[in-house]
Amino acid sequence: MTKISSSILILRKATASAWTSDLNDKMNQWLLKYIDWLEHNTLALEEKASTKFVSPLISLPILC
């Protein structure tokens, strides 16, 4: 997820024509749902001690 976050930030900064405001809005909606899932889903919480859990919770809110 960290690589995805970096890629999105690069696309935004470069004002890439392929990165439309509609696509950006949809990505933000998905990110918020995914962050909520990470914070509240039983399966996700079982992974709380792993880097698979911590890394997205650090990198993804930067995008929203």
PDB file of N, CA and C in Angstrom:
ATOM      1  N   MET A   1       0.818  -1.194   0.000  1.00  0.00           N
ATOM      2  CA  MET A   1       0.000   0.000   0.000  1.00  0.00           C
ATOM      3  C   MET A   1       0.863   1.259   0.000  1.00  0.00           C
ATOM      4  N   THR A   2       2.045   1.170   0.557  1.00  0.00           N
ATOM      5  CA  THR A   2       2.918   2.338   0.579  1.00  0.00           C
ATOM      6  C   THR A   2       3.310   2.738  -0.841  1.00  0.00           C
ATOM      7  N   LYS A   3       3.570   1.760  -1.693  1.00  0.00           N
ATOM      8  CA  LYS A   3       3.903   2.064  -3.090  1.00  0.00           C
ATOM      9  C   LYS A   3       2.713   2.674  -3.824  1.00  0.00           C
ATOM     10  N   ILE A   4       1.535   2.184  -3.517  1.00  0.00           N
ATOM     11  CA  ILE A   4       0.326   2.756  -4.123  1.00  0.00           C
ATOM     12  C   ILE A   4       0.159   4.198  -3.676  1.00  0.00           C
ATOM     13  N   SER A   5       0.353   4.442  -2.398  1.00  0.00           N
ATOM     14  CA  SER A   5       0.246   5.809  -1.871  1.00  0.00           C
ATOM     15  C   SER A   5       1.231   6.739  -2.560  1.00  0.00           C
ATOM     16  N   SER A   6       2.464   6.291  -2.680  1.00  0.00           N
ATOM     17  CA  SER A   6       3.486   7.105  -3.348  1.00  0.00           C
ATOM     18  C   SER A   6       3.106   7.385  -4.796  1.00  0.00           C
ATOM     19  N   SER A   7       2.607   6.385  -5.471  1.00  0.00           N
ATOM     20  CA  SER A   7       2.217   6.552  -6.872  1.00  0.00           C
ATOM     21  C   SER A   7       1.085   7.561  -7.026  1.00  0.00           C
ATOM     22  N   ILE A   8       0.114   7.485  -6.148  1.00  0.00           N
ATOM     23  CA  ILE A   8      -1.002   8.434  -6.210  1.00  0.00           C
ATOM     24  C   ILE A   8      -0.512   9.851  -5.959  1.00  0.00           C
ATOM     25  N   LEU A   9       0.363  10.013  -4.989  1.00  0.00           N
ATOM     26  CA  LEU A   9       0.904  11.347  -4.704  1.00  0.00           C
ATOM     27  C   LEU A   9       1.684  11.896  -5.901  1.00  0.00           C
ATOM     28  N   ILE A  10       2.417  11.038  -6.579  1.00  0.00           N
ATOM     29  CA  ILE A  10       3.154  11.464  -7.774  1.00  0.00           C
ATOM     30  C   ILE A  10       2.191  11.892  -8.879  1.00  0.00           C
ATOM     31  N   LEU A  11       1.159  11.098  -9.105  1.00  0.00           N
ATOM     32  CA  LEU A  11       0.168  11.460 -10.128  1.00  0.00           C
ATOM     33  C   LEU A  11      -0.507  12.786  -9.811  1.00  0.00           C
ATOM     34  N   ARG A  12      -0.836  12.999  -8.556  1.00  0.00           N
ATOM     35  CA  ARG A  12      -1.474  14.264  -8.161  1.00  0.00           C
ATOM     36  C   ARG A  12      -0.527  15.440  -8.354  1.00  0.00           C
ATOM     37  N   LYS A  13       0.697  15.282  -7.903  1.00  0.00           N
ATOM     38  CA  LYS A  13       1.678  16.363  -7.981  1.00  0.00           C
ATOM     39  C   LYS A  13       1.996  16.720  -9.429  1.00  0.00           C
ATOM     40  N   ALA A  14       2.066  15.703 -10.275  1.00  0.00           N
ATOM     41  CA  ALA A  14       2.388  15.921 -11.686  1.00  0.00           C
ATOM     42  C   ALA A  14       1.185  16.415 -12.479  1.00  0.00           C
ATOM     43  N   THR A  15       0.053  16.492 -11.827  1.00  0.00           N
ATOM     44  CA  THR A  15      -1.213  16.825 -12.487  1.00  0.00           C
ATOM     45  C   THR A  15      -1.391  16.012 -13.770  1.00  0.00           C
ATOM     46  N   ALA A  16      -1.215  14.724 -13.621  1.00  0.00           N
ATOM     47  CA  ALA A  16      -1.360  13.799 -14.749  1.00  0.00           C
ATOM     48  C   ALA A  16      -2.780  13.854 -15.298  1.00  0.00           C
ATOM     49  N   SER A  17      -2.877  13.944 -16.602  1.00  0.00           N
ATOM     50  CA  SER A  17      -4.205  14.062 -17.230  1.00  0.00           C
ATOM     51  C   SER A  17      -5.060  12.827 -16.976  1.00  0.00           C
ATOM     52  N   ALA A  18      -4.432  11.682 -16.790  1.00  0.00           N
ATOM     53  CA  ALA A  18      -5.183  10.449 -16.530  1.00  0.00           C
ATOM     54  C   ALA A  18      -5.765  10.421 -15.121  1.00  0.00           C
ATOM     55  N   TRP A  19      -5.225  11.259 -14.231  1.00  0.00           N
ATOM     56  CA  TRP A  19      -5.708  11.296 -12.853  1.00  0.00           C
ATOM     57  C   TRP A  19      -6.762  12.398 -12.737  1.00  0.00           C
ATOM     58  N   THR A  20      -7.990  12.053 -13.048  1.00  0.00           N
ATOM     59  CA  THR A  20      -9.086  13.027 -13.069  1.00  0.00           C
ATOM     60  C   THR A  20      -9.615  13.279 -11.657  1.00  0.00           C
ATOM     61  N   SER A  21     -10.358  14.337 -11.497  1.00  0.00           N
ATOM     62  CA  SER A  21     -10.947  14.624 -10.181  1.00  0.00           C
ATOM     63  C   SER A  21     -11.960  13.549  -9.797  1.00  0.00           C
ATOM     64  N   ASP A  22     -12.650  12.990 -10.791  1.00  0.00           N
ATOM     65  CA  ASP A  22     -13.588  11.904 -10.516  1.00  0.00           C
ATOM     66  C   ASP A  22     -12.848  10.671  -9.989  1.00  0.00           C
ATOM     67  N   LEU A  23     -11.760  10.323 -10.638  1.00  0.00           N
ATOM     68  CA  LEU A  23     -10.947   9.196 -10.186  1.00  0.00           C
ATOM     69  C   LEU A  23     -10.385   9.463  -8.795  1.00  0.00           C
ATOM     70  N   ASN A  24      -9.950  10.674  -8.566  1.00  0.00           N
ATOM     71  CA  ASN A  24      -9.425  11.054  -7.262  1.00  0.00           C
ATOM     72  C   ASN A  24     -10.500  10.926  -6.174  1.00  0.00           C
ATOM     73  N   ASP A  25     -11.692  11.400  -6.467  1.00  0.00           N
ATOM     74  CA  ASP A  25     -12.804  11.297  -5.505  1.00  0.00           C
ATOM     75  C   ASP A  25     -13.145   9.836  -5.198  1.00  0.00           C
ATOM     76  N   LYS A  26     -13.187   9.022  -6.232  1.00  0.00           N
ATOM     77  CA  LYS A  26     -13.490   7.597  -6.030  1.00  0.00           C
ATOM     78  C   LYS A  26     -12.403   6.904  -5.224  1.00  0.00           C
ATOM     79  N   MET A  27     -11.154   7.268  -5.469  1.00  0.00           N
ATOM     80  CA  MET A  27     -10.055   6.686  -4.701  1.00  0.00           C
ATOM     81  C   MET A  27     -10.153   7.106  -3.238  1.00  0.00           C
ATOM     82  N   ASN A  28     -10.464   8.360  -2.993  1.00  0.00           N
ATOM     83  CA  ASN A  28     -10.621   8.827  -1.611  1.00  0.00           C
ATOM     84  C   ASN A  28     -11.745   8.085  -0.898  1.00  0.00           C
ATOM     85  N   GLN A  29     -12.850   7.856  -1.590  1.00  0.00           N
ATOM     86  CA  GLN A  29     -13.965   7.110  -0.999  1.00  0.00           C
ATOM     87  C   GLN A  29     -13.536   5.695  -0.645  1.00  0.00           C
ATOM     88  N   TRP A  30     -12.831   5.051  -1.569  1.00  0.00           N
ATOM     89  CA  TRP A  30     -12.358   3.689  -1.319  1.00  0.00           C
ATOM     90  C   TRP A  30     -11.374   3.667  -0.156  1.00  0.00           C
ATOM     91  N   LEU A  31     -10.463   4.620  -0.125  1.00  0.00           N
ATOM     92  CA  LEU A  31      -9.468   4.676   0.942  1.00  0.00           C
ATOM     93  C   LEU A  31     -10.122   4.830   2.309  1.00  0.00           C
ATOM     94  N   LEU A  32     -11.115   5.691   2.396  1.00  0.00           N
ATOM     95  CA  LEU A  32     -11.808   5.884   3.667  1.00  0.00           C
ATOM     96  C   LEU A  32     -12.507   4.604   4.119  1.00  0.00           C
ATOM     97  N   LYS A  33     -13.120   3.900   3.171  1.00  0.00           N
ATOM     98  CA  LYS A  33     -13.769   2.624   3.507  1.00  0.00           C
ATOM     99  C   LYS A  33     -12.739   1.589   3.942  1.00  0.00           C
ATOM    100  N   TYR A  34     -11.593   1.545   3.269  1.00  0.00           N
ATOM    101  CA  TYR A  34     -10.551   0.582   3.605  1.00  0.00           C
ATOM    102  C   TYR A  34      -9.941   0.895   4.977  1.00  0.00           C
ATOM    103  N   ILE A  35      -9.697   2.154   5.258  1.00  0.00           N
ATOM    104  CA  ILE A  35      -9.166   2.548   6.567  1.00  0.00           C
ATOM    105  C   ILE A  35     -10.155   2.171   7.666  1.00  0.00           C
ATOM    106  N   ASP A  36     -11.433   2.417   7.418  1.00  0.00           N
ATOM    107  CA  ASP A  36     -12.456   2.040   8.393  1.00  0.00           C
ATOM    108  C   ASP A  36     -12.452   0.534   8.613  1.00  0.00           C
ATOM    109  N   TRP A  37     -12.325  -0.232   7.538  1.00  0.00           N
ATOM    110  CA  TRP A  37     -12.261  -1.690   7.645  1.00  0.00           C
ATOM    111  C   TRP A  37     -11.047  -2.112   8.469  1.00  0.00           C
ATOM    112  N   LEU A  38      -9.899  -1.495   8.206  1.00  0.00           N
ATOM    113  CA  LEU A  38      -8.690  -1.831   8.956  1.00  0.00           C
ATOM    114  C   LEU A  38      -8.854  -1.564  10.455  1.00  0.00           C
ATOM    115  N   GLU A  39      -9.567  -0.505  10.767  1.00  0.00           N
ATOM    116  CA  GLU A  39      -9.712  -0.107  12.170  1.00  0.00           C
ATOM    117  C   GLU A  39     -10.801  -0.871  12.915  1.00  0.00           C
ATOM    118  N   HIS A  40     -11.758  -1.462  12.198  1.00  0.00           N
ATOM    119  CA  HIS A  40     -12.911  -2.049  12.880  1.00  0.00           C
ATOM    120  C   HIS A  40     -13.205  -3.512  12.582  1.00  0.00           C
ATOM    121  N   ASN A  41     -12.705  -4.050  11.491  1.00  0.00           N
ATOM    122  CA  ASN A  41     -13.011  -5.420  11.122  1.00  0.00           C
ATOM    123  C   ASN A  41     -12.234  -6.410  11.986  1.00  0.00           C
ATOM    124  N   THR A  42     -12.906  -7.440  12.449  1.00  0.00           N
ATOM    125  CA  THR A  42     -12.289  -8.441  13.320  1.00  0.00           C
ATOM    126  C   THR A  42     -11.074  -9.084  12.667  1.00  0.00           C
ATOM    127  N   LEU A  43     -11.205  -9.466  11.415  1.00  0.00           N
ATOM    128  CA  LEU A  43     -10.086 -10.091  10.705  1.00  0.00           C
ATOM    129  C   LEU A  43      -8.893  -9.139  10.609  1.00  0.00           C
ATOM    130  N   ALA A  44      -9.161  -7.900  10.279  1.00  0.00           N
ATOM    131  CA  ALA A  44      -8.077  -6.918  10.173  1.00  0.00           C
ATOM    132  C   ALA A  44      -7.418  -6.684  11.522  1.00  0.00           C
ATOM    133  N   LEU A  45      -8.221  -6.617  12.572  1.00  0.00           N
ATOM    134  CA  LEU A  45      -7.672  -6.363  13.901  1.00  0.00           C
ATOM    135  C   LEU A  45      -6.799  -7.505  14.403  1.00  0.00           C
ATOM    136  N   GLU A  46      -7.046  -8.707  13.920  1.00  0.00           N
ATOM    137  CA  GLU A  46      -6.195  -9.840  14.281  1.00  0.00           C
ATOM    138  C   GLU A  46      -4.784  -9.671  13.725  1.00  0.00           C
ATOM    139  N   GLU A  47      -4.645  -8.891  12.691  1.00  0.00           N
ATOM    140  CA  GLU A  47      -3.346  -8.637  12.070  1.00  0.00           C
ATOM    141  C   GLU A  47      -2.698  -7.361  12.601  1.00  0.00           C
ATOM    142  N   LYS A  48      -3.250  -6.789  13.621  1.00  0.00           N
ATOM    143  CA  LYS A  48      -2.835  -5.475  14.101  1.00  0.00           C
ATOM    144  C   LYS A  48      -1.339  -5.359  14.392  1.00  0.00           C
ATOM    145  N   ALA A  49      -0.715  -6.427  14.835  1.00  0.00           N
ATOM    146  CA  ALA A  49       0.704  -6.370  15.182  1.00  0.00           C
ATOM    147  C   ALA A  49       1.623  -6.462  13.966  1.00  0.00           C
ATOM    148  N   SER A  50       1.086  -6.796  12.813  1.00  0.00           N
ATOM    149  CA  SER A  50       1.942  -6.983  11.644  1.00  0.00           C
ATOM    150  C   SER A  50       2.118  -5.687  10.856  1.00  0.00           C
ATOM    151  N   THR A  51       3.170  -5.643  10.054  1.00  0.00           N
ATOM    152  CA  THR A  51       3.409  -4.470   9.218  1.00  0.00           C
ATOM    153  C   THR A  51       2.348  -4.345   8.127  1.00  0.00           C
ATOM    154  N   LYS A  52       1.667  -5.453   7.793  1.00  0.00           N
ATOM    155  CA  LYS A  52       0.587  -5.399   6.807  1.00  0.00           C
ATOM    156  C   LYS A  52      -0.555  -4.528   7.313  1.00  0.00           C
ATOM    157  N   PHE A  53      -0.665  -4.401   8.620  1.00  0.00           N
ATOM    158  CA  PHE A  53      -1.708  -3.574   9.225  1.00  0.00           C
ATOM    159  C   PHE A  53      -1.210  -2.155   9.450  1.00  0.00           C
ATOM    160  N   VAL A  54      -0.030  -2.022  10.002  1.00  0.00           N
ATOM    161  CA  VAL A  54       0.493  -0.718  10.408  1.00  0.00           C
ATOM    162  C   VAL A  54       0.815   0.171   9.211  1.00  0.00           C
ATOM    163  N   SER A  55       1.447  -0.376   8.212  1.00  0.00           N
ATOM    164  CA  SER A  55       1.858   0.416   7.057  1.00  0.00           C
ATOM    165  C   SER A  55       0.702   1.153   6.382  1.00  0.00           C
ATOM    166  N   PRO A  56      -0.406   0.486   6.067  1.00  0.00           N
ATOM    167  CA  PRO A  56      -1.516   1.221   5.457  1.00  0.00           C
ATOM    168  C   PRO A  56      -2.108   2.294   6.373  1.00  0.00           C
ATOM    169  N   LEU A  57      -2.155   2.030   7.661  1.00  0.00           N
ATOM    170  CA  LEU A  57      -2.731   3.015   8.564  1.00  0.00           C
ATOM    171  C   LEU A  57      -1.861   4.256   8.694  1.00  0.00           C
ATOM    172  N   ILE A  58      -0.598   4.118   8.366  1.00  0.00           N
ATOM    173  CA  ILE A  58       0.295   5.279   8.380  1.00  0.00           C
ATOM    174  C   ILE A  58       0.250   6.009   7.043  1.00  0.00           C
ATOM    175  N   SER A  59       0.302   5.267   5.959  1.00  0.00           N
ATOM    176  CA  SER A  59       0.428   5.898   4.650  1.00  0.00           C
ATOM    177  C   SER A  59      -0.882   6.350   4.009  1.00  0.00           C
ATOM    178  N   LEU A  60      -1.963   5.637   4.231  1.00  0.00           N
ATOM    179  CA  LEU A  60      -3.209   5.940   3.518  1.00  0.00           C
ATOM    180  C   LEU A  60      -3.918   7.216   3.962  1.00  0.00           C
ATOM    181  N   PRO A  61      -3.976   7.545   5.251  1.00  0.00           N
ATOM    182  CA  PRO A  61      -4.653   8.792   5.610  1.00  0.00           C
ATOM    183  C   PRO A  61      -4.036  10.044   4.998  1.00  0.00           C
ATOM    184  N   ILE A  62      -2.775   9.971   4.617  1.00  0.00           N
ATOM    185  CA  ILE A  62      -2.112  11.103   3.969  1.00  0.00           C
ATOM    186  C   ILE A  62      -2.814  11.434   2.656  1.00  0.00           C
ATOM    187  N   LEU A  63      -3.374  10.441   2.019  1.00  0.00           N
ATOM    188  CA  LEU A  63      -4.011  10.631   0.713  1.00  0.00           C
ATOM    189  C   LEU A  63      -5.408  11.215   0.787  1.00  0.00           C
ATOM    190  N   CYS A  64      -6.074  11.040   1.889  1.00  0.00           N
ATOM    191  CA  CYS A  64      -7.477  11.457   1.996  1.00  0.00           C
ATOM    192  C   CYS A  64      -7.634  12.941   2.270  1.00  0.00           C
TER     193      CYS A  64
END
